[in-house]
N, C-alpha and C. Protein backbone atom coordinates (compact mmCIF):
# COMPACT_ATOMS: atom_id res chain seq x y z
N GLN A 1 178.38 -45.87 -302.96
CA GLN A 1 177.77 -45.67 -301.66
C GLN A 1 178.53 -44.59 -300.90
N VAL A 2 177.81 -43.65 -300.30
CA VAL A 2 178.41 -42.59 -299.49
C VAL A 2 177.75 -42.60 -298.13
N GLN A 3 178.54 -42.64 -297.09
CA GLN A 3 178.01 -42.53 -295.72
C GLN A 3 178.41 -41.17 -295.17
N LEU A 4 177.46 -40.50 -294.53
CA LEU A 4 177.65 -39.12 -294.10
C LEU A 4 177.42 -38.98 -292.60
N VAL A 5 178.27 -38.20 -291.96
CA VAL A 5 178.14 -37.94 -290.54
C VAL A 5 178.26 -36.44 -290.30
N GLU A 6 177.20 -35.83 -289.73
CA GLU A 6 177.22 -34.41 -289.43
C GLU A 6 177.72 -34.16 -288.01
N SER A 7 178.26 -32.98 -287.80
CA SER A 7 178.66 -32.55 -286.47
C SER A 7 178.62 -31.02 -286.41
N GLY A 8 178.67 -30.49 -285.19
CA GLY A 8 178.77 -29.05 -285.03
C GLY A 8 177.51 -28.35 -284.58
N GLY A 9 176.41 -29.08 -284.46
CA GLY A 9 175.19 -28.44 -283.99
C GLY A 9 175.28 -28.08 -282.53
N GLY A 10 174.27 -27.35 -282.06
CA GLY A 10 174.25 -26.96 -280.66
C GLY A 10 173.25 -25.86 -280.40
N LEU A 11 173.38 -25.27 -279.22
CA LEU A 11 172.50 -24.19 -278.79
C LEU A 11 173.24 -22.86 -278.94
N MET A 12 172.58 -21.89 -279.56
CA MET A 12 173.21 -20.61 -279.80
C MET A 12 172.17 -19.51 -279.62
N GLN A 13 172.62 -18.36 -279.16
CA GLN A 13 171.72 -17.21 -279.06
C GLN A 13 171.55 -16.57 -280.43
N ALA A 14 170.44 -15.93 -280.63
CA ALA A 14 170.19 -15.21 -281.87
C ALA A 14 171.32 -14.21 -282.13
N GLY A 15 171.74 -14.16 -283.39
CA GLY A 15 172.84 -13.28 -283.77
C GLY A 15 174.19 -13.96 -283.76
N GLY A 16 174.25 -15.16 -283.18
CA GLY A 16 175.51 -15.87 -283.10
C GLY A 16 175.82 -16.67 -284.35
N SER A 17 176.89 -17.45 -284.28
CA SER A 17 177.36 -18.22 -285.43
C SER A 17 177.65 -19.67 -285.03
N LEU A 18 177.46 -20.55 -285.97
CA LEU A 18 177.81 -21.96 -285.83
C LEU A 18 178.32 -22.46 -287.16
N THR A 19 179.20 -23.44 -287.11
CA THR A 19 179.66 -24.09 -288.33
C THR A 19 179.36 -25.58 -288.24
N LEU A 20 178.60 -26.07 -289.18
CA LEU A 20 178.32 -27.50 -289.27
C LEU A 20 179.31 -28.15 -290.23
N SER A 21 179.67 -29.39 -289.90
CA SER A 21 180.55 -30.17 -290.77
C SER A 21 179.85 -31.48 -291.12
N CYS A 22 180.16 -31.97 -292.28
CA CYS A 22 179.63 -33.26 -292.73
C CYS A 22 180.77 -34.01 -293.41
N THR A 23 181.16 -35.11 -292.81
CA THR A 23 182.25 -35.90 -293.36
C THR A 23 181.69 -37.15 -294.01
N GLY A 24 182.16 -37.42 -295.21
CA GLY A 24 181.67 -38.56 -295.96
C GLY A 24 182.72 -39.63 -296.13
N SER A 25 182.27 -40.85 -296.19
CA SER A 25 183.16 -41.97 -296.49
C SER A 25 182.85 -42.46 -297.89
N GLY A 26 183.81 -43.15 -298.48
CA GLY A 26 183.57 -43.64 -299.82
C GLY A 26 184.31 -42.81 -300.85
N ARG A 27 184.76 -43.48 -301.88
CA ARG A 27 185.61 -42.82 -302.87
C ARG A 27 184.84 -41.89 -303.78
N THR A 28 183.49 -41.94 -303.73
CA THR A 28 182.71 -41.11 -304.64
C THR A 28 182.37 -39.74 -304.07
N PHE A 29 182.80 -39.44 -302.85
CA PHE A 29 182.42 -38.17 -302.22
C PHE A 29 182.79 -36.99 -303.09
N SER A 30 184.00 -36.99 -303.60
CA SER A 30 184.46 -35.84 -304.38
C SER A 30 183.77 -35.71 -305.72
N MET A 31 183.02 -36.72 -306.12
CA MET A 31 182.28 -36.68 -307.38
C MET A 31 180.81 -36.35 -307.17
N SER A 32 180.43 -36.09 -305.92
CA SER A 32 179.02 -35.88 -305.58
C SER A 32 178.73 -34.42 -305.27
N ALA A 33 177.67 -33.91 -305.87
CA ALA A 33 177.14 -32.63 -305.39
C ALA A 33 176.56 -32.86 -304.00
N MET A 34 176.72 -31.87 -303.14
CA MET A 34 176.29 -32.01 -301.75
C MET A 34 175.29 -30.93 -301.39
N GLY A 35 174.41 -31.26 -300.47
CA GLY A 35 173.42 -30.28 -300.03
C GLY A 35 173.24 -30.31 -298.53
N TRP A 36 172.75 -29.20 -298.01
CA TRP A 36 172.30 -29.11 -296.61
C TRP A 36 170.79 -28.85 -296.64
N PHE A 37 170.09 -29.58 -295.81
CA PHE A 37 168.65 -29.42 -295.63
C PHE A 37 168.38 -29.26 -294.13
N ARG A 38 167.19 -28.81 -293.81
CA ARG A 38 166.81 -28.72 -292.40
C ARG A 38 165.33 -29.06 -292.24
N GLN A 39 165.02 -29.52 -291.04
CA GLN A 39 163.63 -29.87 -290.73
C GLN A 39 163.30 -29.39 -289.33
N ALA A 40 162.36 -28.47 -289.27
CA ALA A 40 161.87 -27.97 -287.98
C ALA A 40 160.70 -28.84 -287.52
N PRO A 41 160.40 -28.86 -286.23
CA PRO A 41 159.30 -29.68 -285.72
C PRO A 41 157.99 -29.34 -286.42
N GLY A 42 157.31 -30.37 -286.90
CA GLY A 42 156.02 -30.17 -287.54
C GLY A 42 156.08 -29.65 -288.95
N LYS A 43 157.29 -29.51 -289.49
CA LYS A 43 157.43 -28.98 -290.85
C LYS A 43 158.14 -29.98 -291.74
N GLU A 44 158.01 -29.77 -293.04
CA GLU A 44 158.69 -30.63 -293.99
C GLU A 44 160.17 -30.26 -294.07
N ARG A 45 160.96 -31.24 -294.49
CA ARG A 45 162.37 -30.98 -294.70
C ARG A 45 162.53 -29.99 -295.85
N GLU A 46 163.40 -28.99 -295.66
CA GLU A 46 163.55 -27.97 -296.69
C GLU A 46 165.01 -27.76 -297.08
N PHE A 47 165.19 -27.32 -298.30
CA PHE A 47 166.52 -27.05 -298.84
C PHE A 47 167.14 -25.84 -298.16
N VAL A 48 168.43 -25.91 -297.90
CA VAL A 48 169.17 -24.79 -297.32
C VAL A 48 170.26 -24.30 -298.29
N ALA A 49 171.11 -25.22 -298.73
CA ALA A 49 172.22 -24.83 -299.60
C ALA A 49 172.75 -26.06 -300.32
N ALA A 50 173.39 -25.84 -301.46
CA ALA A 50 173.98 -26.95 -302.20
C ALA A 50 175.24 -26.47 -302.90
N ILE A 51 176.15 -27.42 -303.15
CA ILE A 51 177.42 -27.13 -303.80
C ILE A 51 177.76 -28.26 -304.75
N SER A 52 178.23 -27.92 -305.93
CA SER A 52 178.60 -28.94 -306.90
C SER A 52 179.88 -29.66 -306.47
N SER A 53 180.23 -30.70 -307.17
CA SER A 53 181.32 -31.58 -306.73
C SER A 53 182.65 -30.84 -306.60
N LEU A 54 182.92 -29.90 -307.48
CA LEU A 54 184.19 -29.16 -307.41
C LEU A 54 184.01 -27.77 -306.81
N GLY A 55 182.81 -27.48 -306.34
CA GLY A 55 182.58 -26.21 -305.65
C GLY A 55 182.32 -25.03 -306.55
N GLY A 56 182.21 -25.27 -307.84
CA GLY A 56 182.06 -24.15 -308.76
C GLY A 56 180.66 -23.57 -308.83
N THR A 57 179.67 -24.34 -308.41
CA THR A 57 178.28 -23.89 -308.43
C THR A 57 177.69 -24.03 -307.04
N ILE A 58 177.07 -22.97 -306.57
CA ILE A 58 176.48 -22.94 -305.22
C ILE A 58 175.10 -22.30 -305.30
N TYR A 59 174.17 -22.88 -304.55
CA TYR A 59 172.83 -22.31 -304.43
C TYR A 59 172.46 -22.20 -302.95
N TYR A 60 171.64 -21.19 -302.66
CA TYR A 60 171.13 -21.00 -301.30
C TYR A 60 169.63 -20.77 -301.35
N ALA A 61 168.96 -21.20 -300.29
CA ALA A 61 167.57 -20.81 -300.10
C ALA A 61 167.54 -19.31 -299.79
N ASP A 62 166.47 -18.65 -300.21
CA ASP A 62 166.37 -17.22 -299.97
C ASP A 62 166.44 -16.88 -298.48
N SER A 63 165.93 -17.77 -297.66
CA SER A 63 165.87 -17.52 -296.21
C SER A 63 167.25 -17.46 -295.55
N VAL A 64 168.27 -18.01 -296.21
CA VAL A 64 169.60 -18.03 -295.59
C VAL A 64 170.64 -17.27 -296.40
N LYS A 65 170.25 -16.79 -297.57
CA LYS A 65 171.19 -16.10 -298.46
C LYS A 65 171.77 -14.88 -297.74
N GLY A 66 173.09 -14.75 -297.81
CA GLY A 66 173.76 -13.64 -297.15
C GLY A 66 174.14 -13.92 -295.71
N ARG A 67 173.61 -15.00 -295.14
CA ARG A 67 173.95 -15.36 -293.74
C ARG A 67 174.71 -16.68 -293.66
N PHE A 68 174.40 -17.62 -294.53
CA PHE A 68 175.02 -18.95 -294.51
C PHE A 68 175.97 -19.08 -295.69
N THR A 69 177.03 -19.87 -295.48
CA THR A 69 177.99 -20.15 -296.54
C THR A 69 178.30 -21.64 -296.57
N ILE A 70 178.12 -22.23 -297.74
CA ILE A 70 178.47 -23.64 -297.91
C ILE A 70 179.83 -23.73 -298.59
N SER A 71 180.62 -24.69 -298.18
CA SER A 71 181.93 -24.91 -298.79
C SER A 71 182.28 -26.38 -298.63
N ARG A 72 183.35 -26.81 -299.31
CA ARG A 72 183.75 -28.21 -299.21
C ARG A 72 185.26 -28.32 -299.34
N ASP A 73 185.79 -29.38 -298.75
CA ASP A 73 187.20 -29.74 -298.84
C ASP A 73 187.24 -31.20 -299.27
N ASN A 74 187.41 -31.42 -300.55
CA ASN A 74 187.35 -32.79 -301.06
C ASN A 74 188.54 -33.64 -300.58
N ALA A 75 189.64 -33.01 -300.25
CA ALA A 75 190.79 -33.76 -299.72
C ALA A 75 190.45 -34.38 -298.37
N LYS A 76 189.50 -33.75 -297.66
CA LYS A 76 189.09 -34.25 -296.34
C LYS A 76 187.70 -34.85 -296.38
N ASN A 77 187.13 -34.99 -297.57
CA ASN A 77 185.78 -35.56 -297.71
C ASN A 77 184.78 -34.85 -296.80
N THR A 78 184.86 -33.53 -296.73
CA THR A 78 184.04 -32.78 -295.79
C THR A 78 183.36 -31.59 -296.48
N VAL A 79 182.11 -31.38 -296.14
CA VAL A 79 181.37 -30.19 -296.57
C VAL A 79 180.97 -29.42 -295.32
N PHE A 80 181.00 -28.11 -295.42
CA PHE A 80 180.74 -27.24 -294.27
C PHE A 80 179.53 -26.34 -294.53
N LEU A 81 178.91 -25.92 -293.44
CA LEU A 81 177.87 -24.91 -293.52
C LEU A 81 178.15 -23.89 -292.42
N GLN A 82 178.70 -22.75 -292.82
CA GLN A 82 178.94 -21.67 -291.88
C GLN A 82 177.66 -20.85 -291.75
N MET A 83 177.15 -20.74 -290.52
CA MET A 83 175.89 -20.06 -290.28
C MET A 83 176.14 -18.85 -289.40
N ASN A 84 175.89 -17.68 -289.95
CA ASN A 84 176.07 -16.43 -289.22
C ASN A 84 174.73 -15.74 -289.00
N ARG A 85 174.72 -14.81 -288.07
CA ARG A 85 173.50 -14.02 -287.76
C ARG A 85 172.29 -14.95 -287.62
N LEU A 86 172.46 -15.95 -286.80
CA LEU A 86 171.41 -16.95 -286.61
C LEU A 86 170.14 -16.32 -286.04
N LYS A 87 169.01 -16.88 -286.45
CA LYS A 87 167.70 -16.43 -286.01
C LYS A 87 166.97 -17.59 -285.36
N PRO A 88 166.01 -17.31 -284.48
CA PRO A 88 165.23 -18.41 -283.88
C PRO A 88 164.58 -19.31 -284.94
N GLU A 89 164.19 -18.74 -286.05
CA GLU A 89 163.55 -19.55 -287.09
C GLU A 89 164.54 -20.47 -287.82
N ASP A 90 165.82 -20.37 -287.52
CA ASP A 90 166.80 -21.31 -288.05
C ASP A 90 166.85 -22.61 -287.23
N THR A 91 166.12 -22.64 -286.13
CA THR A 91 166.08 -23.83 -285.28
C THR A 91 165.51 -25.02 -286.06
N ALA A 92 166.28 -26.10 -286.12
CA ALA A 92 165.88 -27.28 -286.88
C ALA A 92 166.94 -28.36 -286.71
N VAL A 93 166.61 -29.55 -287.17
CA VAL A 93 167.63 -30.58 -287.38
C VAL A 93 168.20 -30.36 -288.78
N TYR A 94 169.52 -30.27 -288.85
CA TYR A 94 170.19 -30.03 -290.12
C TYR A 94 170.80 -31.33 -290.64
N TYR A 95 170.53 -31.60 -291.91
CA TYR A 95 171.00 -32.82 -292.55
C TYR A 95 171.90 -32.48 -293.74
N CYS A 96 172.97 -33.22 -293.90
CA CYS A 96 173.70 -33.11 -295.17
C CYS A 96 173.29 -34.29 -296.04
N ALA A 97 173.41 -34.09 -297.33
CA ALA A 97 172.96 -35.09 -298.28
C ALA A 97 173.84 -35.05 -299.52
N ALA A 98 173.95 -36.18 -300.17
CA ALA A 98 174.78 -36.31 -301.35
C ALA A 98 173.95 -36.77 -302.54
N ARG A 99 174.26 -36.17 -303.69
CA ARG A 99 173.64 -36.64 -304.92
C ARG A 99 174.53 -37.66 -305.58
N ARG A 100 173.97 -38.47 -306.44
CA ARG A 100 174.77 -39.40 -307.25
C ARG A 100 175.46 -38.65 -308.39
N SER A 101 175.05 -37.44 -308.63
CA SER A 101 175.59 -36.62 -309.71
C SER A 101 176.55 -35.58 -309.18
N SER A 102 177.42 -35.10 -310.06
CA SER A 102 178.38 -34.06 -309.67
C SER A 102 177.78 -32.66 -309.75
N ILE A 103 176.61 -32.55 -310.37
CA ILE A 103 176.00 -31.24 -310.57
C ILE A 103 174.74 -31.11 -309.71
N ILE A 104 174.38 -29.84 -309.49
CA ILE A 104 173.16 -29.56 -308.73
C ILE A 104 172.04 -29.34 -309.74
N SER A 105 171.22 -30.35 -309.96
CA SER A 105 170.13 -30.16 -310.89
C SER A 105 168.79 -30.07 -310.17
N THR A 106 168.82 -30.20 -308.87
CA THR A 106 167.59 -30.13 -308.11
C THR A 106 167.89 -29.68 -306.69
N MET A 107 166.90 -29.04 -306.08
CA MET A 107 166.97 -28.70 -304.66
C MET A 107 165.89 -29.46 -303.90
N GLU A 108 165.36 -30.48 -304.52
CA GLU A 108 164.32 -31.29 -303.89
C GLU A 108 164.94 -32.42 -303.08
N VAL A 109 164.26 -32.77 -302.01
CA VAL A 109 164.75 -33.82 -301.12
C VAL A 109 164.99 -35.12 -301.88
N ASP A 110 164.07 -35.46 -302.77
CA ASP A 110 164.19 -36.76 -303.44
C ASP A 110 165.26 -36.77 -304.52
N GLY A 111 165.93 -35.65 -304.73
CA GLY A 111 167.04 -35.61 -305.67
C GLY A 111 168.36 -35.99 -305.04
N TYR A 112 168.35 -36.27 -303.75
CA TYR A 112 169.56 -36.62 -303.00
C TYR A 112 169.43 -38.04 -302.49
N SER A 113 170.47 -38.84 -302.73
CA SER A 113 170.37 -40.28 -302.48
C SER A 113 170.89 -40.72 -301.13
N TYR A 114 171.82 -39.96 -300.57
CA TYR A 114 172.46 -40.36 -299.31
C TYR A 114 172.30 -39.25 -298.29
N TRP A 115 172.00 -39.66 -297.05
CA TRP A 115 171.70 -38.70 -295.99
C TRP A 115 172.47 -39.03 -294.72
N GLY A 116 172.85 -37.97 -294.00
CA GLY A 116 173.39 -38.16 -292.67
C GLY A 116 172.27 -38.31 -291.66
N GLN A 117 172.66 -38.46 -290.40
CA GLN A 117 171.68 -38.70 -289.34
C GLN A 117 171.09 -37.41 -288.80
N GLY A 118 171.70 -36.28 -289.14
CA GLY A 118 171.19 -34.99 -288.69
C GLY A 118 171.87 -34.48 -287.44
N THR A 119 171.92 -33.17 -287.30
CA THR A 119 172.46 -32.53 -286.09
C THR A 119 171.54 -31.38 -285.71
N GLN A 120 171.23 -31.28 -284.42
CA GLN A 120 170.26 -30.29 -283.95
C GLN A 120 170.91 -28.92 -283.81
N VAL A 121 170.24 -27.92 -284.34
CA VAL A 121 170.63 -26.52 -284.14
C VAL A 121 169.46 -25.81 -283.47
N THR A 122 169.71 -25.22 -282.33
CA THR A 122 168.68 -24.50 -281.60
C THR A 122 169.14 -23.07 -281.37
N VAL A 123 168.33 -22.12 -281.80
CA VAL A 123 168.67 -20.71 -281.67
C VAL A 123 167.65 -20.06 -280.73
N SER A 124 168.13 -19.53 -279.64
CA SER A 124 167.25 -18.90 -278.66
C SER A 124 167.19 -17.39 -278.91
N SER A 125 166.04 -16.84 -278.58
CA SER A 125 165.84 -15.39 -278.82
C SER A 125 166.31 -14.56 -277.63
């Protein structure tokens, strides 16, 4: 069982930066691939980025590639999402999620078993 808590969301002007954090409890955190997803009003939850358990494999959605960076610190049971050059279309609730597996074999929502409560990111133009 992994419990996840996100933090770091807020209101930012376009072009600015934010860093989201997700801290997990449970001894299996370091063995879990982790992902960030987001959900805008009226839209389905979508994949943003994922990182394997030891950080050796990383994937990004095309919409954030080159602007967002995912990383993790297993000693602190924390995964980060550094978001640069934010755009109004990045406005969404951001969720971190954990897989039961150490590898990233899917970017689909149903491939992740544990979810945080979400943190709101709002980007104004």
